[in-house]
Amino acid sequence: MKIYLAGPMRGIKDFNFPAFHAAAQHLRELGHEVSSPAEKDLSDGFDPTKDKPKELSEYMVHDLAEVCKAEAVVVLPGWESSQGARLEVMVAMALKKKVLDLDLNPIEDLSILQEADGLVNGDRCASYGPPTQDFKRTADMWTALLQFKLNEGERIRPQDVALMMILLKASRAQHSSKRDNYVDIGGYADCGWKCEKEYSK
C-alpha cells in the first residue's frame, strides 16, 4: 500500500521525528510505500533539534495532498492530541481511505468525542478563538438582551431564541469575518420573523 504517516510533532522532543522514522522503516520492511512528513521536513532543511516550526497551514498544503494520494493513513500513538493529525485523519475518512494503527489494524471511525475535540480545539477554535473568549462575548450579549425579561420573570419566547443566535453569530463575526456568519444571521432573522408572526398573534 501507499501509506501516509500521521502523528503528533509539536511539543514532543525532536518533534517526534524518531518515532516517524522508526514507523516508516517498519512499514517499508513490510513492503509498503511510505510518505512521512518528518522526512519531508528534513528534505526541506528543517532541523528538529533547533528550528521553530512554520504555521500549521503551511504544512497542510503539502501534507493533505499526500493524504489524498495515499491508500491508507497510519497513525502514530498520540495522534488524537495533534490538530494536524486529526485533520489528516478526518480528510482520509471523508475520502473513504483506510485509517490504521501501527499494527495495521483499522480505526473504523472517529468517536463523537474525538470529532468534537477536533472541532473545539481545531476548526472552531481557529475560526472564533477559544471558547473562553467566544462564549464570554456571547454571554455578555445574551445578558444584555435578556436582562429586563428575566428580571420581570417573563418566559423566553421562540423569537428570542432567534435573536440570541443572531447575537452568537455577531459575537463570532467580531473574531473572524467569515461569510457563513452573515448568512446564518440572515437565516436566523428569517426564522425569528416567522416566530414573531406566529407567536405574537
N, C-alpha and C. Protein backbone atom coordinates (compact mmCIF):
# COMPACT_ATOMS: atom_id res chain seq x y z
N MET A 1 0.83 -1.20 0.00
CA MET A 1 0.00 0.00 0.00
C MET A 1 0.87 1.25 0.00
N LYS A 2 0.29 2.33 -0.52
CA LYS A 2 0.91 3.64 -0.37
C LYS A 2 0.33 4.24 0.91
N ILE A 3 1.20 4.49 1.88
CA ILE A 3 0.79 4.89 3.23
C ILE A 3 1.29 6.29 3.55
N TYR A 4 0.43 7.06 4.19
CA TYR A 4 0.84 8.34 4.74
C TYR A 4 0.88 8.20 6.26
N LEU A 5 1.95 8.69 6.88
CA LEU A 5 2.10 8.64 8.33
C LEU A 5 1.58 9.92 8.96
N ALA A 6 0.74 9.78 9.96
CA ALA A 6 0.19 10.94 10.68
C ALA A 6 0.44 10.75 12.17
N GLY A 7 0.82 11.83 12.83
CA GLY A 7 1.06 11.73 14.26
C GLY A 7 1.44 13.06 14.86
N PRO A 8 1.58 13.10 16.19
CA PRO A 8 1.92 14.35 16.87
C PRO A 8 3.38 14.72 16.67
N MET A 9 3.63 16.02 16.60
CA MET A 9 5.01 16.54 16.48
C MET A 9 5.28 17.65 17.49
N ARG A 10 4.46 18.68 17.46
CA ARG A 10 4.71 19.84 18.31
C ARG A 10 4.60 19.48 19.79
N GLY A 11 5.52 20.03 20.56
CA GLY A 11 5.52 19.76 21.99
C GLY A 11 6.21 18.47 22.38
N ILE A 12 6.77 17.75 21.39
CA ILE A 12 7.47 16.49 21.66
C ILE A 12 8.94 16.68 21.30
N LYS A 13 9.83 16.09 22.08
CA LYS A 13 11.27 16.23 21.83
C LYS A 13 11.60 15.83 20.40
N ASP A 14 12.41 16.66 19.75
CA ASP A 14 12.82 16.44 18.36
C ASP A 14 11.61 16.30 17.43
N PHE A 15 10.52 16.91 17.84
CA PHE A 15 9.28 16.91 17.05
C PHE A 15 8.81 15.49 16.70
N ASN A 16 9.18 14.54 17.55
CA ASN A 16 8.74 13.15 17.38
C ASN A 16 9.30 12.51 16.11
N PHE A 17 10.33 13.11 15.53
CA PHE A 17 10.90 12.56 14.30
C PHE A 17 11.39 11.12 14.47
N PRO A 18 12.04 10.77 15.62
CA PRO A 18 12.49 9.37 15.76
C PRO A 18 11.35 8.37 15.63
N ALA A 19 10.17 8.69 16.17
CA ALA A 19 9.03 7.78 16.06
C ALA A 19 8.56 7.67 14.62
N PHE A 20 8.55 8.78 13.91
CA PHE A 20 8.17 8.75 12.50
C PHE A 20 9.16 7.91 11.69
N HIS A 21 10.46 8.08 11.97
CA HIS A 21 11.47 7.33 11.22
C HIS A 21 11.35 5.83 11.49
N ALA A 22 11.14 5.46 12.75
CA ALA A 22 11.01 4.04 13.10
C ALA A 22 9.78 3.43 12.45
N ALA A 23 8.68 4.16 12.45
CA ALA A 23 7.45 3.66 11.83
C ALA A 23 7.62 3.51 10.33
N ALA A 24 8.24 4.49 9.70
CA ALA A 24 8.45 4.42 8.25
C ALA A 24 9.33 3.23 7.89
N GLN A 25 10.40 3.01 8.66
CA GLN A 25 11.28 1.88 8.39
C GLN A 25 10.53 0.55 8.54
N HIS A 26 9.75 0.44 9.61
CA HIS A 26 8.99 -0.79 9.86
C HIS A 26 8.02 -1.08 8.71
N LEU A 27 7.31 -0.07 8.28
CA LEU A 27 6.32 -0.27 7.22
C LEU A 27 6.99 -0.58 5.88
N ARG A 28 8.13 0.01 5.62
CA ARG A 28 8.85 -0.28 4.37
C ARG A 28 9.40 -1.71 4.38
N GLU A 29 9.80 -2.17 5.54
CA GLU A 29 10.27 -3.56 5.64
C GLU A 29 9.14 -4.54 5.34
N LEU A 30 7.89 -4.09 5.56
CA LEU A 30 6.73 -4.93 5.24
C LEU A 30 6.33 -4.80 3.77
N GLY A 31 7.05 -3.95 3.03
CA GLY A 31 6.79 -3.83 1.60
C GLY A 31 5.92 -2.66 1.20
N HIS A 32 5.61 -1.76 2.14
CA HIS A 32 4.72 -0.64 1.82
C HIS A 32 5.52 0.58 1.37
N GLU A 33 4.87 1.42 0.58
CA GLU A 33 5.44 2.70 0.18
C GLU A 33 4.96 3.74 1.19
N VAL A 34 5.88 4.50 1.76
CA VAL A 34 5.54 5.37 2.88
C VAL A 34 5.88 6.82 2.57
N SER A 35 4.93 7.71 2.87
CA SER A 35 5.16 9.15 2.83
C SER A 35 5.16 9.65 4.27
N SER A 36 6.30 10.16 4.71
CA SER A 36 6.45 10.63 6.09
C SER A 36 6.66 12.13 6.11
N PRO A 37 5.83 12.88 6.82
CA PRO A 37 6.03 14.33 6.90
C PRO A 37 7.36 14.70 7.57
N ALA A 38 7.85 13.84 8.44
CA ALA A 38 9.14 14.11 9.08
C ALA A 38 10.26 14.09 8.04
N GLU A 39 10.20 13.12 7.14
CA GLU A 39 11.21 13.05 6.08
C GLU A 39 11.10 14.24 5.13
N LYS A 40 9.87 14.67 4.87
CA LYS A 40 9.67 15.84 4.00
C LYS A 40 10.27 17.07 4.66
N ASP A 41 10.06 17.23 5.96
CA ASP A 41 10.60 18.39 6.66
C ASP A 41 12.13 18.38 6.62
N LEU A 42 12.73 17.21 6.82
CA LEU A 42 14.19 17.11 6.77
C LEU A 42 14.73 17.46 5.38
N SER A 43 14.03 16.99 4.36
CA SER A 43 14.48 17.28 2.99
C SER A 43 14.35 18.77 2.67
N ASP A 44 13.46 19.46 3.40
CA ASP A 44 13.30 20.91 3.22
C ASP A 44 14.29 21.71 4.06
N GLY A 45 15.15 20.98 4.79
CA GLY A 45 16.18 21.66 5.58
C GLY A 45 15.80 21.96 7.01
N PHE A 46 14.68 21.41 7.49
CA PHE A 46 14.26 21.66 8.86
C PHE A 46 15.07 20.82 9.82
N ASP A 47 15.61 21.46 10.86
CA ASP A 47 16.38 20.76 11.89
C ASP A 47 15.52 20.68 13.16
N PRO A 48 15.02 19.49 13.51
CA PRO A 48 14.11 19.38 14.66
C PRO A 48 14.76 19.68 16.00
N THR A 49 16.09 19.73 16.05
CA THR A 49 16.76 19.98 17.32
C THR A 49 16.91 21.47 17.62
N LYS A 50 16.69 22.33 16.60
CA LYS A 50 16.90 23.76 16.87
C LYS A 50 15.93 24.70 16.15
N ASP A 51 15.30 24.24 15.08
CA ASP A 51 14.44 25.14 14.31
C ASP A 51 13.03 25.22 14.90
N LYS A 52 12.38 26.35 14.67
CA LYS A 52 10.98 26.51 15.06
C LYS A 52 10.09 26.13 13.87
N PRO A 53 8.98 25.47 14.14
CA PRO A 53 8.12 25.06 13.03
C PRO A 53 7.39 26.24 12.41
N LYS A 54 6.98 26.04 11.16
CA LYS A 54 6.15 27.04 10.48
C LYS A 54 4.71 26.92 10.96
N GLU A 55 3.86 27.78 10.45
CA GLU A 55 2.44 27.69 10.76
C GLU A 55 1.87 26.38 10.23
N LEU A 56 0.91 25.83 10.94
CA LEU A 56 0.31 24.55 10.55
C LEU A 56 -0.22 24.59 9.13
N SER A 57 -0.82 25.71 8.73
CA SER A 57 -1.41 25.82 7.39
C SER A 57 -0.38 25.60 6.29
N GLU A 58 0.86 26.01 6.53
CA GLU A 58 1.91 25.83 5.52
C GLU A 58 2.24 24.35 5.33
N TYR A 59 2.20 23.57 6.42
CA TYR A 59 2.45 22.14 6.31
C TYR A 59 1.27 21.42 5.65
N MET A 60 0.06 21.87 5.98
CA MET A 60 -1.12 21.17 5.49
C MET A 60 -1.24 21.22 3.97
N VAL A 61 -0.73 22.28 3.34
CA VAL A 61 -0.79 22.38 1.88
C VAL A 61 -0.15 21.15 1.24
N HIS A 62 0.99 20.74 1.76
CA HIS A 62 1.66 19.54 1.23
C HIS A 62 1.09 18.27 1.82
N ASP A 63 0.90 18.25 3.13
CA ASP A 63 0.55 17.00 3.80
C ASP A 63 -0.84 16.49 3.40
N LEU A 64 -1.81 17.38 3.28
CA LEU A 64 -3.15 16.91 2.88
C LEU A 64 -3.15 16.40 1.45
N ALA A 65 -2.28 16.96 0.61
CA ALA A 65 -2.15 16.44 -0.76
C ALA A 65 -1.62 15.01 -0.72
N GLU A 66 -0.70 14.74 0.20
CA GLU A 66 -0.17 13.38 0.33
C GLU A 66 -1.22 12.42 0.87
N VAL A 67 -2.07 12.91 1.78
CA VAL A 67 -3.17 12.08 2.27
C VAL A 67 -4.06 11.67 1.10
N CYS A 68 -4.32 12.63 0.21
CA CYS A 68 -5.19 12.34 -0.95
C CYS A 68 -4.57 11.30 -1.88
N LYS A 69 -3.26 11.27 -1.97
CA LYS A 69 -2.59 10.31 -2.85
C LYS A 69 -2.49 8.92 -2.23
N ALA A 70 -2.54 8.84 -0.91
CA ALA A 70 -2.31 7.58 -0.21
C ALA A 70 -3.53 6.67 -0.29
N GLU A 71 -3.25 5.37 -0.11
CA GLU A 71 -4.34 4.39 0.03
C GLU A 71 -4.79 4.27 1.48
N ALA A 72 -3.87 4.60 2.38
CA ALA A 72 -4.18 4.47 3.81
C ALA A 72 -3.37 5.49 4.60
N VAL A 73 -3.91 5.87 5.75
CA VAL A 73 -3.18 6.71 6.71
C VAL A 73 -2.91 5.84 7.93
N VAL A 74 -1.65 5.78 8.33
CA VAL A 74 -1.27 5.07 9.54
C VAL A 74 -0.95 6.11 10.61
N VAL A 75 -1.58 5.96 11.77
CA VAL A 75 -1.43 6.96 12.82
C VAL A 75 -0.46 6.48 13.90
N LEU A 76 0.35 7.40 14.38
CA LEU A 76 1.26 7.14 15.48
C LEU A 76 0.55 7.38 16.80
N PRO A 77 1.01 6.76 17.89
CA PRO A 77 0.40 6.99 19.20
C PRO A 77 0.36 8.47 19.54
N GLY A 78 -0.76 8.89 20.12
CA GLY A 78 -0.93 10.28 20.48
C GLY A 78 -1.47 11.16 19.37
N TRP A 79 -1.86 10.56 18.25
CA TRP A 79 -2.35 11.36 17.12
C TRP A 79 -3.58 12.17 17.48
N GLU A 80 -4.38 11.67 18.44
CA GLU A 80 -5.62 12.37 18.81
C GLU A 80 -5.36 13.75 19.38
N SER A 81 -4.17 13.97 19.93
CA SER A 81 -3.85 15.26 20.53
C SER A 81 -3.25 16.25 19.53
N SER A 82 -3.05 15.81 18.31
CA SER A 82 -2.42 16.65 17.29
C SER A 82 -3.48 17.24 16.37
N GLN A 83 -3.54 18.55 16.28
CA GLN A 83 -4.51 19.21 15.41
C GLN A 83 -4.29 18.80 13.96
N GLY A 84 -3.03 18.76 13.52
CA GLY A 84 -2.74 18.39 12.14
C GLY A 84 -3.10 16.95 11.84
N ALA A 85 -2.74 16.03 12.75
CA ALA A 85 -3.04 14.62 12.53
C ALA A 85 -4.54 14.37 12.53
N ARG A 86 -5.27 15.04 13.43
CA ARG A 86 -6.73 14.88 13.43
C ARG A 86 -7.33 15.32 12.11
N LEU A 87 -6.82 16.42 11.58
CA LEU A 87 -7.31 16.92 10.30
C LEU A 87 -7.00 15.92 9.19
N GLU A 88 -5.80 15.37 9.21
CA GLU A 88 -5.41 14.39 8.19
C GLU A 88 -6.30 13.15 8.26
N VAL A 89 -6.60 12.71 9.47
CA VAL A 89 -7.46 11.54 9.64
C VAL A 89 -8.87 11.83 9.15
N MET A 90 -9.39 13.01 9.47
CA MET A 90 -10.75 13.34 9.04
C MET A 90 -10.83 13.44 7.52
N VAL A 91 -9.79 13.97 6.88
CA VAL A 91 -9.76 14.04 5.41
C VAL A 91 -9.71 12.63 4.84
N ALA A 92 -8.88 11.77 5.43
CA ALA A 92 -8.79 10.39 4.95
C ALA A 92 -10.13 9.68 5.06
N MET A 93 -10.81 9.87 6.19
CA MET A 93 -12.11 9.22 6.38
C MET A 93 -13.15 9.77 5.40
N ALA A 94 -13.09 11.07 5.14
CA ALA A 94 -14.03 11.66 4.19
C ALA A 94 -13.81 11.11 2.80
N LEU A 95 -12.58 10.73 2.49
CA LEU A 95 -12.25 10.17 1.18
C LEU A 95 -12.37 8.65 1.15
N LYS A 96 -12.88 8.06 2.24
CA LYS A 96 -13.10 6.62 2.33
C LYS A 96 -11.79 5.83 2.24
N LYS A 97 -10.72 6.42 2.76
CA LYS A 97 -9.44 5.72 2.81
C LYS A 97 -9.30 4.97 4.13
N LYS A 98 -8.43 3.98 4.15
CA LYS A 98 -8.20 3.24 5.38
C LYS A 98 -7.45 4.11 6.38
N VAL A 99 -7.82 4.02 7.64
CA VAL A 99 -7.07 4.64 8.73
C VAL A 99 -6.67 3.53 9.68
N LEU A 100 -5.36 3.34 9.85
CA LEU A 100 -4.83 2.17 10.56
C LEU A 100 -3.90 2.60 11.68
N ASP A 101 -3.77 1.73 12.68
CA ASP A 101 -2.75 1.96 13.69
C ASP A 101 -1.43 1.36 13.22
N LEU A 102 -0.41 1.43 14.04
CA LEU A 102 0.92 0.95 13.62
C LEU A 102 0.96 -0.55 13.35
N ASP A 103 0.01 -1.29 13.93
CA ASP A 103 -0.07 -2.73 13.66
C ASP A 103 -0.96 -3.02 12.46
N LEU A 104 -1.36 -1.95 11.76
CA LEU A 104 -2.21 -2.04 10.57
C LEU A 104 -3.61 -2.56 10.87
N ASN A 105 -4.04 -2.34 12.12
CA ASN A 105 -5.43 -2.63 12.47
C ASN A 105 -6.27 -1.41 12.15
N PRO A 106 -7.47 -1.60 11.61
CA PRO A 106 -8.27 -0.45 11.20
C PRO A 106 -8.84 0.33 12.38
N ILE A 107 -8.83 1.64 12.23
CA ILE A 107 -9.57 2.53 13.12
C ILE A 107 -10.84 2.86 12.36
N GLU A 108 -11.94 2.27 12.76
CA GLU A 108 -13.15 2.32 11.94
C GLU A 108 -13.72 3.72 11.79
N ASP A 109 -13.69 4.49 12.87
CA ASP A 109 -14.32 5.80 12.78
C ASP A 109 -13.87 6.64 13.97
N LEU A 110 -13.96 7.95 13.81
CA LEU A 110 -13.73 8.82 14.94
C LEU A 110 -14.90 8.70 15.89
N SER A 111 -14.62 8.67 17.17
CA SER A 111 -15.71 8.71 18.13
C SER A 111 -16.31 10.11 18.13
N ILE A 112 -17.50 10.25 18.66
CA ILE A 112 -18.15 11.55 18.74
C ILE A 112 -17.27 12.53 19.52
N LEU A 113 -16.66 12.04 20.61
CA LEU A 113 -15.85 12.93 21.42
C LEU A 113 -14.58 13.35 20.69
N GLN A 114 -13.98 12.43 19.91
CA GLN A 114 -12.79 12.81 19.15
C GLN A 114 -13.13 13.83 18.08
N GLU A 115 -14.27 13.62 17.40
CA GLU A 115 -14.68 14.58 16.38
C GLU A 115 -14.99 15.93 17.02
N ALA A 116 -15.67 15.91 18.15
CA ALA A 116 -15.98 17.15 18.84
C ALA A 116 -14.70 17.86 19.30
N ASP A 117 -13.76 17.07 19.80
CA ASP A 117 -12.49 17.64 20.23
C ASP A 117 -11.78 18.30 19.07
N GLY A 118 -11.84 17.66 17.91
CA GLY A 118 -11.21 18.23 16.73
C GLY A 118 -11.82 19.57 16.34
N LEU A 119 -13.14 19.70 16.54
CA LEU A 119 -13.80 20.97 16.23
C LEU A 119 -13.49 22.03 17.27
N VAL A 120 -13.61 21.66 18.55
CA VAL A 120 -13.41 22.63 19.63
C VAL A 120 -11.99 23.15 19.65
N ASN A 121 -11.02 22.25 19.50
CA ASN A 121 -9.62 22.64 19.60
C ASN A 121 -8.96 22.85 18.25
N GLY A 122 -9.72 22.63 17.19
CA GLY A 122 -9.16 22.81 15.85
C GLY A 122 -9.89 23.88 15.08
N ASP A 123 -10.85 23.45 14.24
CA ASP A 123 -11.51 24.36 13.32
C ASP A 123 -12.22 25.50 14.03
N ARG A 124 -13.07 25.19 15.01
CA ARG A 124 -13.84 26.24 15.67
C ARG A 124 -12.94 27.20 16.44
N CYS A 125 -11.93 26.63 17.09
CA CYS A 125 -11.01 27.47 17.87
C CYS A 125 -10.24 28.41 16.95
N ALA A 126 -9.82 27.89 15.80
CA ALA A 126 -9.09 28.73 14.85
C ALA A 126 -9.98 29.82 14.28
N SER A 127 -11.25 29.50 14.07
CA SER A 127 -12.17 30.46 13.45
C SER A 127 -12.66 31.52 14.43
N TYR A 128 -12.95 31.11 15.68
CA TYR A 128 -13.65 32.00 16.60
C TYR A 128 -12.89 32.28 17.89
N GLY A 129 -11.70 31.72 18.03
CA GLY A 129 -10.98 31.87 19.28
C GLY A 129 -11.39 30.80 20.27
N PRO A 130 -10.69 30.68 21.37
CA PRO A 130 -11.04 29.66 22.37
C PRO A 130 -12.41 29.92 22.95
N PRO A 131 -13.11 28.85 23.38
CA PRO A 131 -14.47 29.04 23.91
C PRO A 131 -14.53 29.98 25.10
N THR A 132 -13.45 30.08 25.85
CA THR A 132 -13.46 31.01 26.99
C THR A 132 -13.66 32.45 26.52
N GLN A 133 -13.19 32.77 25.31
CA GLN A 133 -13.40 34.10 24.75
C GLN A 133 -14.72 34.17 23.98
N ASP A 134 -14.95 33.19 23.12
CA ASP A 134 -16.15 33.15 22.28
C ASP A 134 -17.41 33.16 23.12
N PHE A 135 -17.48 32.29 24.10
CA PHE A 135 -18.67 32.19 24.94
C PHE A 135 -18.83 33.40 25.86
N LYS A 136 -17.72 34.01 26.29
CA LYS A 136 -17.80 35.20 27.14
C LYS A 136 -18.44 36.35 26.37
N ARG A 137 -18.01 36.56 25.12
CA ARG A 137 -18.62 37.62 24.31
C ARG A 137 -20.12 37.36 24.14
N THR A 138 -20.44 36.10 23.82
CA THR A 138 -21.84 35.74 23.59
C THR A 138 -22.66 35.90 24.87
N ALA A 139 -22.10 35.48 26.00
CA ALA A 139 -22.81 35.59 27.28
C ALA A 139 -23.12 37.05 27.60
N ASP A 140 -22.16 37.94 27.33
CA ASP A 140 -22.39 39.37 27.61
C ASP A 140 -23.52 39.90 26.74
N MET A 141 -23.56 39.47 25.46
CA MET A 141 -24.62 39.92 24.56
C MET A 141 -25.97 39.37 24.98
N TRP A 142 -26.01 38.10 25.34
CA TRP A 142 -27.28 37.48 25.77
C TRP A 142 -27.78 38.12 27.06
N THR A 143 -26.86 38.44 27.95
CA THR A 143 -27.25 39.07 29.21
C THR A 143 -27.94 40.41 28.95
N ALA A 144 -27.36 41.18 28.01
CA ALA A 144 -27.96 42.47 27.68
C ALA A 144 -29.35 42.29 27.08
N LEU A 145 -29.51 41.29 26.23
CA LEU A 145 -30.80 41.04 25.59
C LEU A 145 -31.86 40.59 26.59
N LEU A 146 -31.48 39.72 27.52
CA LEU A 146 -32.45 39.05 28.38
C LEU A 146 -32.60 39.68 29.76
N GLN A 147 -31.77 40.67 30.06
CA GLN A 147 -31.74 41.18 31.43
C GLN A 147 -33.11 41.66 31.91
N PHE A 148 -33.77 42.50 31.12
CA PHE A 148 -35.08 43.01 31.53
C PHE A 148 -36.10 41.89 31.61
N LYS A 149 -36.10 41.02 30.61
CA LYS A 149 -37.07 39.92 30.56
C LYS A 149 -36.95 39.02 31.78
N LEU A 150 -35.73 38.65 32.14
CA LEU A 150 -35.53 37.73 33.26
C LEU A 150 -35.85 38.43 34.58
N ASN A 151 -35.54 39.71 34.66
CA ASN A 151 -35.86 40.45 35.88
C ASN A 151 -37.37 40.53 36.10
N GLU A 152 -38.12 40.58 35.02
CA GLU A 152 -39.58 40.67 35.11
C GLU A 152 -40.23 39.29 35.21
N GLY A 153 -39.42 38.21 35.15
CA GLY A 153 -39.96 36.87 35.27
C GLY A 153 -40.67 36.37 34.04
N GLU A 154 -40.43 36.98 32.89
CA GLU A 154 -41.08 36.54 31.66
C GLU A 154 -40.39 35.30 31.09
N ARG A 155 -41.15 34.57 30.28
CA ARG A 155 -40.59 33.41 29.61
C ARG A 155 -39.78 33.86 28.40
N ILE A 156 -38.82 33.03 28.01
CA ILE A 156 -38.08 33.28 26.77
C ILE A 156 -38.95 32.81 25.61
N ARG A 157 -39.19 33.69 24.66
CA ARG A 157 -40.06 33.38 23.53
C ARG A 157 -39.27 32.70 22.41
N PRO A 158 -39.95 32.00 21.49
CA PRO A 158 -39.24 31.41 20.35
C PRO A 158 -38.45 32.44 19.55
N GLN A 159 -39.00 33.63 19.36
CA GLN A 159 -38.28 34.66 18.60
C GLN A 159 -37.06 35.16 19.36
N ASP A 160 -37.07 35.04 20.70
CA ASP A 160 -35.88 35.40 21.47
C ASP A 160 -34.72 34.46 21.16
N VAL A 161 -35.06 33.19 20.90
CA VAL A 161 -34.01 32.23 20.54
C VAL A 161 -33.31 32.69 19.26
N ALA A 162 -34.11 33.14 18.27
CA ALA A 162 -33.52 33.63 17.03
C ALA A 162 -32.62 34.83 17.29
N LEU A 163 -33.09 35.75 18.14
CA LEU A 163 -32.29 36.93 18.47
C LEU A 163 -30.98 36.53 19.17
N MET A 164 -31.08 35.56 20.07
CA MET A 164 -29.88 35.11 20.78
C MET A 164 -28.88 34.46 19.82
N MET A 165 -29.38 33.68 18.86
CA MET A 165 -28.48 33.05 17.89
C MET A 165 -27.87 34.09 16.95
N ILE A 166 -28.63 35.15 16.64
CA ILE A 166 -28.06 36.25 15.85
C ILE A 166 -26.90 36.88 16.61
N LEU A 167 -27.09 37.07 17.92
CA LEU A 167 -26.02 37.65 18.73
C LEU A 167 -24.82 36.72 18.82
N LEU A 168 -25.08 35.40 18.86
CA LEU A 168 -23.97 34.44 18.84
C LEU A 168 -23.15 34.62 17.57
N LYS A 169 -23.83 34.72 16.43
CA LYS A 169 -23.12 34.88 15.16
C LYS A 169 -22.42 36.24 15.09
N ALA A 170 -23.06 37.26 15.66
CA ALA A 170 -22.43 38.58 15.70
C ALA A 170 -21.16 38.55 16.54
N SER A 171 -21.22 37.81 17.65
CA SER A 171 -20.04 37.67 18.51
C SER A 171 -18.90 37.00 17.75
N ARG A 172 -19.24 35.95 17.02
CA ARG A 172 -18.20 35.23 16.28
C ARG A 172 -17.64 36.07 15.13
N ALA A 173 -18.49 36.89 14.55
CA ALA A 173 -18.02 37.77 13.48
C ALA A 173 -17.03 38.80 14.00
N GLN A 174 -17.08 39.10 15.31
CA GLN A 174 -16.10 40.01 15.89
C GLN A 174 -14.70 39.42 15.85
N HIS A 175 -14.63 38.09 15.89
CA HIS A 175 -13.33 37.42 15.89
C HIS A 175 -12.88 37.08 14.48
N SER A 176 -13.84 36.68 13.63
CA SER A 176 -13.49 36.25 12.27
C SER A 176 -14.65 36.57 11.34
N SER A 177 -14.42 37.43 10.38
CA SER A 177 -15.50 37.86 9.48
C SER A 177 -15.70 36.84 8.36
N LYS A 178 -16.19 35.67 8.76
CA LYS A 178 -16.48 34.63 7.78
C LYS A 178 -17.87 34.85 7.18
N ARG A 179 -18.00 34.56 5.90
CA ARG A 179 -19.27 34.78 5.20
C ARG A 179 -20.41 34.01 5.85
N ASP A 180 -20.15 32.78 6.32
CA ASP A 180 -21.24 31.97 6.85
C ASP A 180 -21.87 32.58 8.10
N ASN A 181 -21.09 33.41 8.85
CA ASN A 181 -21.70 34.09 9.99
C ASN A 181 -22.83 35.02 9.53
N TYR A 182 -22.59 35.74 8.45
CA TYR A 182 -23.59 36.66 7.94
C TYR A 182 -24.76 35.93 7.28
N VAL A 183 -24.45 34.83 6.62
CA VAL A 183 -25.53 34.01 6.05
C VAL A 183 -26.42 33.49 7.17
N ASP A 184 -25.78 32.99 8.25
CA ASP A 184 -26.55 32.46 9.38
C ASP A 184 -27.38 33.55 10.06
N ILE A 185 -26.82 34.75 10.16
CA ILE A 185 -27.57 35.86 10.74
C ILE A 185 -28.84 36.11 9.93
N GLY A 186 -28.70 36.08 8.60
CA GLY A 186 -29.87 36.25 7.75
C GLY A 186 -30.89 35.14 7.95
N GLY A 187 -30.39 33.91 8.08
CA GLY A 187 -31.27 32.77 8.29
C GLY A 187 -32.00 32.85 9.61
N TYR A 188 -31.28 33.23 10.68
CA TYR A 188 -31.92 33.35 11.99
C TYR A 188 -32.91 34.52 12.01
N ALA A 189 -32.60 35.60 11.25
CA ALA A 189 -33.54 36.71 11.18
C ALA A 189 -34.85 36.27 10.53
N ASP A 190 -34.73 35.48 9.48
CA ASP A 190 -35.93 34.97 8.82
C ASP A 190 -36.72 34.06 9.76
N CYS A 191 -36.01 33.18 10.46
CA CYS A 191 -36.68 32.29 11.42
C CYS A 191 -37.35 33.10 12.53
N GLY A 192 -36.65 34.12 13.01
CA GLY A 192 -37.19 34.94 14.08
C GLY A 192 -38.46 35.66 13.65
N TRP A 193 -38.48 36.18 12.42
CA TRP A 193 -39.66 36.89 11.94
C TRP A 193 -40.84 35.94 11.78
N LYS A 194 -40.57 34.70 11.34
CA LYS A 194 -41.63 33.70 11.26
C LYS A 194 -42.23 33.44 12.65
N CYS A 195 -41.34 33.31 13.65
CA CYS A 195 -41.81 33.09 15.02
C CYS A 195 -42.56 34.30 15.54
N GLU A 196 -42.07 35.50 15.19
CA GLU A 196 -42.73 36.73 15.63
C GLU A 196 -44.16 36.78 15.11
N LYS A 197 -44.33 36.45 13.83
CA LYS A 197 -45.69 36.47 13.26
C LYS A 197 -46.59 35.38 13.86
N GLU A 198 -45.97 34.22 14.14
CA GLU A 198 -46.76 33.09 14.65
C GLU A 198 -47.16 33.29 16.11
N TYR A 199 -46.24 33.76 16.94
CA TYR A 199 -46.47 33.77 18.39
C TYR A 199 -46.85 35.15 18.94
N SER A 200 -46.94 36.16 18.07
CA SER A 200 -47.35 37.49 18.54
C SER A 200 -48.79 37.79 18.15
N LYS A 201 -49.51 36.77 17.69
CA LYS A 201 -50.91 36.98 17.29
C LYS A 201 -51.78 37.22 18.53
